[in-house]
C-alpha atoms as a PDB file:
ATOM      1  CA  UNK A   1      13.982  46.296   8.095  1.00  0.00           C
ATOM      2  CA  UNK A   2      10.751  44.467   7.569  1.00  0.00           C
ATOM      3  CA  UNK A   3       7.656  45.875   8.982  1.00  0.00           C
ATOM      4  CA  UNK A   4       5.739  43.671  11.363  1.00  0.00           C
ATOM      5  CA  UNK A   5       3.178  42.712   8.695  1.00  0.00           C
ATOM      6  CA  UNK A   6       5.757  41.545   6.171  1.00  0.00           C
ATOM      7  CA  UNK A   7       7.606  39.498   8.802  1.00  0.00           C
ATOM      8  CA  UNK A   8       4.378  37.680   9.629  1.00  0.00           C
ATOM      9  CA  UNK A   9       3.756  37.094   5.932  1.00  0.00           C
ATOM     10  CA  UNK A  10       7.300  35.759   5.495  1.00  0.00           C
ATOM     11  CA  UNK A  11       6.804  33.442   8.463  1.00  0.00           C
ATOM     12  CA  UNK A  12       3.550  32.135   6.985  1.00  0.00           C
ATOM     13  CA  UNK A  13       5.171  31.599   3.590  1.00  0.00           C
ATOM     14  CA  UNK A  14       8.053  29.717   5.232  1.00  0.00           C
ATOM     15  CA  UNK A  15       5.580  27.552   7.126  1.00  0.00           C
ATOM     16  CA  UNK A  16       3.667  26.803   3.906  1.00  0.00           C
ATOM     17  CA  UNK A  17       6.916  25.954   2.103  1.00  0.00           C
ATOM     18  CA  UNK A  18       7.903  23.595   4.915  1.00  0.00           C
ATOM     19  CA  UNK A  19       4.480  21.927   4.832  1.00  0.00           C
ATOM     20  CA  UNK A  20       4.759  21.413   1.090  1.00  0.00           C
ATOM     21  CA  UNK A  21       8.261  19.956   1.487  1.00  0.00           C
ATOM     22  CA  UNK A  22       6.940  17.536   4.115  1.00  0.00           C
ATOM     23  CA  UNK A  23       4.068  16.500   1.858  1.00  0.00           C
ATOM     24  CA  UNK A  24       6.400  15.948  -1.090  1.00  0.00           C
ATOM     25  CA  UNK A  25       8.788  13.910   1.066  1.00  0.00           C
ATOM     26  CA  UNK A  26       5.929  11.788   2.428  1.00  0.00           C
ATOM     27  CA  UNK A  27       4.610  11.283  -1.110  1.00  0.00           C
ATOM     28  CA  UNK A  28       8.046  10.227  -2.300  1.00  0.00           C
ATOM     29  CA  UNK A  29       8.354   7.714   0.526  1.00  0.00           C
ATOM     30  CA  UNK A  30       4.900   6.306  -0.223  1.00  0.00           C
ATOM     31  CA  UNK A  31       5.731   6.052  -3.931  1.00  0.00           C
ATOM     32  CA  UNK A  32       8.901   4.151  -3.031  1.00  0.00           C
ATOM     33  CA  UNK A  33       6.901   1.749  -0.865  1.00  0.00           C
ATOM     34  CA  UNK A  34       4.361   1.172  -3.628  1.00  0.00           C
ATOM     35  CA  UNK A  35       7.141   0.586  -6.148  1.00  0.00           C
ATOM     36  CA  UNK A  36       8.763  -1.965  -3.867  1.00  0.00           C
ATOM     37  CA  UNK A  37       5.449  -3.735  -3.309  1.00  0.00           C
ATOM     38  CA  UNK A  38       4.750  -3.792  -7.057  1.00  0.00           C
ATOM     39  CA  UNK A  39       8.121  -5.440  -7.692  1.00  0.00           C
ATOM     40  CA  UNK A  40       7.392  -8.020  -4.988  1.00  0.00           C
ATOM     41  CA  UNK A  41       4.021  -8.832  -6.560  1.00  0.00           C
ATOM     42  CA  UNK A  42       5.622  -9.076 -10.002  1.00  0.00           C
ATOM     43  CA  UNK A  43       8.244 -11.491  -8.698  1.00  0.00           C
ATOM     44  CA  UNK A  44       5.606 -13.620  -6.971  1.00  0.00           C
ATOM     45  CA  UNK A  45       3.446 -13.780 -10.096  1.00  0.00           C
ATOM     46  CA  UNK A  46       6.465 -14.645 -12.233  1.00  0.00           C
ATOM     47  CA  UNK A  47       7.499 -17.467  -9.889  1.00  0.00           C
ATOM     48  CA  UNK A  48       3.945 -18.813  -9.727  1.00  0.00           C
ATOM     49  CA  UNK A  49       3.550 -18.735 -13.503  1.00  0.00           C
ATOM     50  CA  UNK A  50       6.870 -20.526 -13.977  1.00  0.00           C
ATOM     51  CA  UNK A  51       5.697 -23.251 -11.594  1.00  0.00           C
ATOM     52  CA  UNK A  52       2.345 -23.554 -13.395  1.00  0.00           C
ATOM     53  CA  UNK A  53       4.044 -23.843 -16.802  1.00  0.00           C
ATOM     54  CA  UNK A  54       6.374 -26.560 -15.526  1.00  0.00           C
ATOM     55  CA  UNK A  55       3.500 -28.525 -13.984  1.00  0.00           C
ATOM     56  CA  UNK A  56       1.394 -28.168 -17.136  1.00  0.00           C
ATOM     57  CA  UNK A  57       4.279 -29.258 -19.334  1.00  0.00           C
ATOM     58  CA  UNK A  58       4.868 -32.308 -17.142  1.00  0.00           C
ATOM     59  CA  UNK A  59       1.153 -33.203 -17.247  1.00  0.00           C
ATOM     60  CA  UNK A  60       1.053 -32.856 -21.048  1.00  0.00           C
ATOM     61  CA  UNK A  61       4.062 -35.156 -21.357  1.00  0.00           C
ATOM     62  CA  UNK A  62       2.312 -37.757 -19.208  1.00  0.00           C
ATOM     63  CA  UNK A  63      -1.068 -37.463 -20.995  1.00  0.00           C
ATOM     64  CA  UNK A  64      -0.472 -36.280 -24.593  1.00  0.00           C
ATOM     65  CA  UNK A  65      -3.704 -37.687 -26.094  1.00  0.00           C
ATOM     66  CA  UNK A  66      -5.884 -36.150 -23.384  1.00  0.00           C
ATOM     67  CA  UNK A  67      -4.045 -32.831 -23.791  1.00  0.00           C
ATOM     68  CA  UNK A  68      -4.737 -32.863 -27.530  1.00  0.00           C
ATOM     69  CA  UNK A  69      -8.408 -33.584 -26.877  1.00  0.00           C
ATOM     70  CA  UNK A  70      -8.658 -30.720 -24.410  1.00  0.00           C
ATOM     71  CA  UNK A  71      -6.883 -28.354 -26.802  1.00  0.00           C
ATOM     72  CA  UNK A  72      -9.195 -29.374 -29.626  1.00  0.00           C
ATOM     73  CA  UNK A  73     -12.277 -28.891 -27.431  1.00  0.00           C
ATOM     74  CA  UNK A  74     -11.183 -25.476 -26.204  1.00  0.00           C
ATOM     75  CA  UNK A  75     -10.353 -24.379 -29.752  1.00  0.00           C
ATOM     76  CA  UNK A  76     -13.690 -25.647 -31.058  1.00  0.00           C
ATOM     77  CA  UNK A  77     -15.687 -23.768 -28.423  1.00  0.00           C
ATOM     78  CA  UNK A  78     -13.594 -20.629 -28.901  1.00  0.00           C
ATOM     79  CA  UNK A  79     -14.318 -20.623 -32.628  1.00  0.00           C
ATOM     80  CA  UNK A  80     -18.022 -21.232 -31.975  1.00  0.00           C
ATOM     81  CA  UNK A  81     -18.169 -18.311 -29.580  1.00  0.00           C
ATOM     82  CA  UNK A  82     -16.313 -15.999 -31.987  1.00  0.00           C
ATOM     83  CA  UNK A  83     -18.768 -16.677 -34.798  1.00  0.00           C
ATOM     84  CA  UNK A  84     -21.777 -15.564 -32.779  1.00  0.00           C
END
């Protein structure tokens, strides 16, 4: 029922639709991979920060006077830098 020209056009449109579907599927897979990697990085950063907080807390408990001196020094220099 289709003329030869319209059949060719339909075939081309079907091929374009299939290409677009493939691109969308590949994009979805890539997005899933990136999401998974982002969660892995988040978990690693969270674990590392927990470890750093625990180590810092332990060090402060062992050296409270030094920790106060460092905090005072950092605060002093921060205020000096903010005023300029």
